[in-house]
Amino acid sequence: MEFKAKLLDDKMIDRSMTRLAHEIIEKNKGIEHLVLIGIKSRGVPLAKRLASKIMQIEGSTLPVGQLDITLYRDDLSLKSYEPDVKGLEVDFEINDKIVILVDDVIYTGRTVRAAMDAIIDYGRPSAIQLAVLVDRGHRELPIRPDYVGKNVPTSSKEIVKVKLEEVDEISEVSIYQK
């Protein structure tokens, strides 16, 4: 992989998260029926960051869960490793709640579709919304995020790499050429 450009630094990611928090609050007219579920691995720290931003704005905490969709992926046969099946980790009710799925990058939409399948297998939310840090296009399924930190037009020969301090000891979004 060849480095092409840095798209977001730590401050830009933080500003995007603040904006996403405000958009979520505004669209849902508050946070009363909201829960956040981060898609592993980098969607989880992003969901926690969103919850923290919303706490600063609203003064109330939102429940945050995590989802490992490896079990639900339809492209496992393309993978050369054994799946690590953990499923959904929540300690709160999702029935009749607005579930906001949080992920770092949306590309084909397959991960999000798998995540929605997992949520529906677990309960009956009143709605499922999607918040992503980066939308790079190239959807294969009719799925679109409700909240986007940054739209990045890419070619299929490029890779968008998100690094977060909680996982990678640095926060940045970069683009690489395959």
C-alpha atoms as a PDB file:
ATOM      1  CA  MET A   1       0.000   0.000   0.000  1.00  0.00           C
ATOM      2  CA  GLU A   2       1.210   3.442  -0.901  1.00  0.00           C
ATOM      3  CA  PHE A   3       0.263   6.431   1.271  1.00  0.00           C
ATOM      4  CA  LYS A   4      -1.656   9.101  -0.691  1.00  0.00           C
ATOM      5  CA  ALA A   5      -2.991  11.666   1.798  1.00  0.00           C
ATOM      6  CA  LYS A   6      -4.148  12.331   5.321  1.00  0.00           C
ATOM      7  CA  LEU A   7      -7.861  13.162   5.206  1.00  0.00           C
ATOM      8  CA  LEU A   8      -8.542  13.914   8.886  1.00  0.00           C
ATOM      9  CA  ASP A   9      -6.337  14.594  11.876  1.00  0.00           C
ATOM     10  CA  ASP A  10      -7.299  14.290  15.547  1.00  0.00           C
ATOM     11  CA  LYS A  11      -8.872  17.773  15.728  1.00  0.00           C
ATOM     12  CA  MET A  12     -10.841  17.251  12.524  1.00  0.00           C
ATOM     13  CA  ILE A  13     -12.152  13.917  13.813  1.00  0.00           C
ATOM     14  CA  ASP A  14     -13.163  15.596  17.072  1.00  0.00           C
ATOM     15  CA  ARG A  15     -15.012  18.372  15.214  1.00  0.00           C
ATOM     16  CA  SER A  16     -16.779  15.763  13.072  1.00  0.00           C
ATOM     17  CA  MET A  17     -17.872  13.870  16.180  1.00  0.00           C
ATOM     18  CA  THR A  18     -19.212  17.072  17.750  1.00  0.00           C
ATOM     19  CA  ARG A  19     -21.190  17.834  14.581  1.00  0.00           C
ATOM     20  CA  LEU A  20     -22.521  14.275  14.405  1.00  0.00           C
ATOM     21  CA  ALA A  21     -23.660  14.500  18.050  1.00  0.00           C
ATOM     22  CA  HIS A  22     -25.574  17.721  17.332  1.00  0.00           C
ATOM     23  CA  GLU A  23     -27.162  16.228  14.202  1.00  0.00           C
ATOM     24  CA  ILE A  24     -28.266  13.119  16.103  1.00  0.00           C
ATOM     25  CA  ILE A  25     -29.844  15.205  18.873  1.00  0.00           C
ATOM     26  CA  GLU A  26     -31.587  17.520  16.397  1.00  0.00           C
ATOM     27  CA  LYS A  27     -32.938  14.780  14.106  1.00  0.00           C
ATOM     28  CA  ASN A  28     -34.318  12.792  17.052  1.00  0.00           C
ATOM     29  CA  LYS A  29     -35.591  15.837  18.986  1.00  0.00           C
ATOM     30  CA  GLY A  30     -33.482  14.882  21.985  1.00  0.00           C
ATOM     31  CA  ILE A  31     -32.010  11.623  23.205  1.00  0.00           C
ATOM     32  CA  GLU A  32     -34.836  10.065  25.207  1.00  0.00           C
ATOM     33  CA  HIS A  33     -35.245   6.893  23.114  1.00  0.00           C
ATOM     34  CA  LEU A  34     -31.720   6.564  21.706  1.00  0.00           C
ATOM     35  CA  VAL A  35     -29.076   3.878  22.173  1.00  0.00           C
ATOM     36  CA  LEU A  36     -25.689   3.644  20.452  1.00  0.00           C
ATOM     37  CA  ILE A  37     -24.157   0.413  19.179  1.00  0.00           C
ATOM     38  CA  GLY A  38     -20.618   0.498  17.801  1.00  0.00           C
ATOM     39  CA  ILE A  39     -19.591  -1.995  15.136  1.00  0.00           C
ATOM     40  CA  LYS A  40     -16.278  -3.577  16.108  1.00  0.00           C
ATOM     41  CA  SER A  41     -13.614  -2.630  16.039  1.00  0.00           C
ATOM     42  CA  ARG A  42     -13.331   1.127  15.464  1.00  0.00           C
ATOM     43  CA  GLY A  43     -17.066   1.784  15.597  1.00  0.00           C
ATOM     44  CA  VAL A  44     -16.990   1.009  19.317  1.00  0.00           C
ATOM     45  CA  PRO A  45     -14.633   3.845  20.363  1.00  0.00           C
ATOM     46  CA  LEU A  46     -16.469   6.155  17.958  1.00  0.00           C
ATOM     47  CA  ALA A  47     -19.781   5.267  19.657  1.00  0.00           C
ATOM     48  CA  LYS A  48     -18.212   6.011  23.043  1.00  0.00           C
ATOM     49  CA  ARG A  49     -16.905   9.339  21.738  1.00  0.00           C
ATOM     50  CA  LEU A  50     -20.384  10.193  20.435  1.00  0.00           C
ATOM     51  CA  ALA A  51     -21.923   9.291  23.790  1.00  0.00           C
ATOM     52  CA  SER A  52     -19.418  11.575  25.519  1.00  0.00           C
ATOM     53  CA  LYS A  53     -20.191  14.459  23.126  1.00  0.00           C
ATOM     54  CA  ILE A  54     -23.934  13.960  23.630  1.00  0.00           C
ATOM     55  CA  MET A  55     -23.403  13.921  27.411  1.00  0.00           C
ATOM     56  CA  GLN A  56     -21.607  17.284  27.175  1.00  0.00           C
ATOM     57  CA  ILE A  57     -24.480  18.748  25.144  1.00  0.00           C
ATOM     58  CA  GLU A  58     -27.519  17.157  26.815  1.00  0.00           C
ATOM     59  CA  GLY A  59     -26.255  16.374  30.312  1.00  0.00           C
ATOM     60  CA  SER A  60     -27.504  12.774  30.077  1.00  0.00           C
ATOM     61  CA  THR A  61     -25.729   9.564  29.218  1.00  0.00           C
ATOM     62  CA  LEU A  62     -26.684   7.254  26.386  1.00  0.00           C
ATOM     63  CA  PRO A  63     -26.287   3.488  26.625  1.00  0.00           C
ATOM     64  CA  VAL A  64     -23.470   2.189  24.407  1.00  0.00           C
ATOM     65  CA  GLY A  65     -23.166  -1.391  23.211  1.00  0.00           C
ATOM     66  CA  GLN A  66     -20.944  -3.180  20.751  1.00  0.00           C
ATOM     67  CA  LEU A  67     -21.522  -5.560  17.913  1.00  0.00           C
ATOM     68  CA  ASP A  68     -19.176  -8.059  16.294  1.00  0.00           C
ATOM     69  CA  ILE A  69     -20.907  -8.987  13.064  1.00  0.00           C
ATOM     70  CA  THR A  70     -18.372 -11.588  11.961  1.00  0.00           C
ATOM     71  CA  LEU A  71     -20.958 -14.356  12.449  1.00  0.00           C
ATOM     72  CA  TYR A  72     -23.457 -12.535  10.224  1.00  0.00           C
ATOM     73  CA  ARG A  73     -21.131 -11.598   7.345  1.00  0.00           C
ATOM     74  CA  ASP A  74     -22.116 -13.014   3.963  1.00  0.00           C
ATOM     75  CA  ASP A  75     -18.561 -12.858   2.611  1.00  0.00           C
ATOM     76  CA  LEU A  76     -16.843 -15.146   5.126  1.00  0.00           C
ATOM     77  CA  SER A  77     -15.917 -17.566   2.383  1.00  0.00           C
ATOM     78  CA  LEU A  78     -13.720 -14.801   0.967  1.00  0.00           C
ATOM     79  CA  LYS A  79     -11.811 -14.513   4.236  1.00  0.00           C
ATOM     80  CA  SER A  80      -8.707 -16.541   4.952  1.00  0.00           C
ATOM     81  CA  TYR A  81      -9.144 -16.601   8.733  1.00  0.00           C
ATOM     82  CA  GLU A  82     -11.514 -18.221  11.185  1.00  0.00           C
ATOM     83  CA  PRO A  83     -14.242 -15.835  12.371  1.00  0.00           C
ATOM     84  CA  ASP A  84     -14.173 -14.632  15.959  1.00  0.00           C
ATOM     85  CA  VAL A  85     -17.841 -14.827  16.911  1.00  0.00           C
ATOM     86  CA  LYS A  86     -18.841 -12.578  19.777  1.00  0.00           C
ATOM     87  CA  GLY A  87     -22.210 -11.190  18.673  1.00  0.00           C
ATOM     88  CA  LEU A  88     -24.029  -8.330  20.332  1.00  0.00           C
ATOM     89  CA  GLU A  89     -22.884  -7.017  23.709  1.00  0.00           C
ATOM     90  CA  VAL A  90     -25.524  -4.768  25.281  1.00  0.00           C
ATOM     91  CA  ASP A  91     -26.725  -4.395  28.854  1.00  0.00           C
ATOM     92  CA  PHE A  92     -29.828  -2.425  27.904  1.00  0.00           C
ATOM     93  CA  GLU A  93     -33.116  -2.976  26.107  1.00  0.00           C
ATOM     94  CA  ILE A  94     -33.304  -2.190  22.373  1.00  0.00           C
ATOM     95  CA  ASN A  95     -37.013  -2.911  21.902  1.00  0.00           C
ATOM     96  CA  ASP A  96     -38.859   0.283  20.909  1.00  0.00           C
ATOM     97  CA  LYS A  97     -35.578   2.240  20.970  1.00  0.00           C
ATOM     98  CA  ILE A  98     -33.893   4.126  18.152  1.00  0.00           C
ATOM     99  CA  VAL A  99     -30.673   2.191  17.625  1.00  0.00           C
ATOM    100  CA  ILE A 100     -27.874   4.236  16.136  1.00  0.00           C
ATOM    101  CA  LEU A 101     -25.258   1.972  14.595  1.00  0.00           C
ATOM    102  CA  VAL A 102     -21.814   3.577  14.576  1.00  0.00           C
ATOM    103  CA  ASP A 103     -19.000   2.569  12.225  1.00  0.00           C
ATOM    104  CA  ASP A 104     -15.769   4.108  10.996  1.00  0.00           C
ATOM    105  CA  VAL A 105     -16.156   3.705   7.210  1.00  0.00           C
ATOM    106  CA  ILE A 106     -19.055   2.752   4.972  1.00  0.00           C
ATOM    107  CA  TYR A 107     -18.092   1.251   1.643  1.00  0.00           C
ATOM    108  CA  THR A 108     -20.225  -1.469   0.005  1.00  0.00           C
ATOM    109  CA  GLY A 109     -22.900  -1.513   2.744  1.00  0.00           C
ATOM    110  CA  ARG A 110     -22.470  -5.220   3.470  1.00  0.00           C
ATOM    111  CA  THR A 111     -21.179  -4.712   7.016  1.00  0.00           C
ATOM    112  CA  VAL A 112     -24.125  -2.452   7.837  1.00  0.00           C
ATOM    113  CA  ARG A 113     -26.615  -4.921   6.378  1.00  0.00           C
ATOM    114  CA  ALA A 114     -25.086  -7.666   8.508  1.00  0.00           C
ATOM    115  CA  ALA A 115     -25.236  -5.398  11.573  1.00  0.00           C
ATOM    116  CA  MET A 116     -28.926  -4.676  10.952  1.00  0.00           C
ATOM    117  CA  ASP A 117     -29.586  -8.425  10.684  1.00  0.00           C
ATOM    118  CA  ALA A 118     -27.891  -8.941  14.050  1.00  0.00           C
ATOM    119  CA  ILE A 119     -29.907  -6.138  15.684  1.00  0.00           C
ATOM    120  CA  ILE A 120     -33.199  -7.505  14.340  1.00  0.00           C
ATOM    121  CA  ASP A 121     -32.257 -10.997  15.568  1.00  0.00           C
ATOM    122  CA  TYR A 122     -31.812  -9.502  19.052  1.00  0.00           C
ATOM    123  CA  GLY A 123     -34.886  -7.289  19.351  1.00  0.00           C
ATOM    124  CA  ARG A 124     -37.391  -4.929  17.772  1.00  0.00           C
ATOM    125  CA  PRO A 125     -36.073  -1.367  17.699  1.00  0.00           C
ATOM    126  CA  SER A 126     -38.466   1.371  16.582  1.00  0.00           C
ATOM    127  CA  ALA A 127     -35.806   2.510  14.087  1.00  0.00           C
ATOM    128  CA  ILE A 128     -32.210   1.880  13.103  1.00  0.00           C
ATOM    129  CA  GLN A 129     -30.042   4.816  12.063  1.00  0.00           C
ATOM    130  CA  LEU A 130     -26.450   4.828  10.871  1.00  0.00           C
ATOM    131  CA  ALA A 131     -23.615   7.186  11.821  1.00  0.00           C
ATOM    132  CA  VAL A 132     -20.247   6.848  10.093  1.00  0.00           C
ATOM    133  CA  LEU A 133     -17.050   8.835  10.300  1.00  0.00           C
ATOM    134  CA  VAL A 134     -16.260   8.366   6.575  1.00  0.00           C
ATOM    135  CA  ASP A 135     -18.501   7.583   3.606  1.00  0.00           C
ATOM    136  CA  ARG A 136     -16.297   6.526   0.705  1.00  0.00           C
ATOM    137  CA  GLY A 137     -19.051   5.576  -1.753  1.00  0.00           C
ATOM    138  CA  HIS A 138     -19.196   2.459  -3.970  1.00  0.00           C
ATOM    139  CA  ARG A 139     -22.342   1.033  -2.381  1.00  0.00           C
ATOM    140  CA  GLU A 140     -23.432  -2.427  -3.511  1.00  0.00           C
ATOM    141  CA  LEU A 141     -26.597  -2.355  -1.400  1.00  0.00           C
ATOM    142  CA  PRO A 142     -29.229   0.391  -1.066  1.00  0.00           C
ATOM    143  CA  ILE A 143     -27.951   1.569   2.307  1.00  0.00           C
ATOM    144  CA  ARG A 144     -27.051   5.139   3.167  1.00  0.00           C
ATOM    145  CA  PRO A 145     -25.865   6.657   6.425  1.00  0.00           C
ATOM    146  CA  ASP A 146     -28.062   9.114   8.314  1.00  0.00           C
ATOM    147  CA  TYR A 147     -25.028  10.927   9.729  1.00  0.00           C
ATOM    148  CA  VAL A 148     -21.660  11.327   7.978  1.00  0.00           C
ATOM    149  CA  GLY A 149     -18.495  12.897   9.358  1.00  0.00           C
ATOM    150  CA  LYS A 150     -16.817  13.225   5.948  1.00  0.00           C
ATOM    151  CA  ASN A 151     -17.703  12.175   2.408  1.00  0.00           C
ATOM    152  CA  VAL A 152     -14.605  10.992   0.551  1.00  0.00           C
ATOM    153  CA  PRO A 153     -14.923  10.084  -3.121  1.00  0.00           C
ATOM    154  CA  THR A 154     -12.552   7.162  -3.711  1.00  0.00           C
ATOM    155  CA  SER A 155     -11.669   4.702  -6.402  1.00  0.00           C
ATOM    156  CA  SER A 156     -11.982   0.979  -5.818  1.00  0.00           C
ATOM    157  CA  LYS A 157      -8.171   0.865  -5.914  1.00  0.00           C
ATOM    158  CA  GLU A 158      -7.904   3.009  -2.800  1.00  0.00           C
ATOM    159  CA  ILE A 159      -8.146   2.096   0.863  1.00  0.00           C
ATOM    160  CA  VAL A 160      -9.398   4.404   3.598  1.00  0.00           C
ATOM    161  CA  LYS A 161      -7.621   3.655   6.882  1.00  0.00           C
ATOM    162  CA  VAL A 162      -9.044   4.969  10.163  1.00  0.00           C
ATOM    163  CA  LYS A 163      -6.809   5.008  13.204  1.00  0.00           C
ATOM    164  CA  LEU A 164      -8.156   5.899  16.633  1.00  0.00           C
ATOM    165  CA  GLU A 165      -6.194   6.650  19.765  1.00  0.00           C
ATOM    166  CA  GLU A 166      -8.135   4.069  21.776  1.00  0.00           C
ATOM    167  CA  VAL A 167      -6.975   1.298  19.401  1.00  0.00           C
ATOM    168  CA  ASP A 168      -3.977   2.624  17.474  1.00  0.00           C
ATOM    169  CA  GLU A 169      -2.447   5.254  19.832  1.00  0.00           C
ATOM    170  CA  ILE A 170      -3.059   7.938  17.155  1.00  0.00           C
ATOM    171  CA  SER A 171      -6.229   9.407  15.647  1.00  0.00           C
ATOM    172  CA  GLU A 172      -6.253  10.064  11.909  1.00  0.00           C
ATOM    173  CA  VAL A 173      -7.917   9.062   8.668  1.00  0.00           C
ATOM    174  CA  SER A 174      -5.673   8.438   5.650  1.00  0.00           C
ATOM    175  CA  ILE A 175      -6.076   7.190   2.125  1.00  0.00           C
ATOM    176  CA  TYR A 176      -3.775   4.664   0.497  1.00  0.00           C
ATOM    177  CA  GLN A 177      -3.358   3.306  -3.029  1.00  0.00           C
ATOM    178  CA  LYS A 178      -3.518  -0.492  -3.342  1.00  0.00           C
END
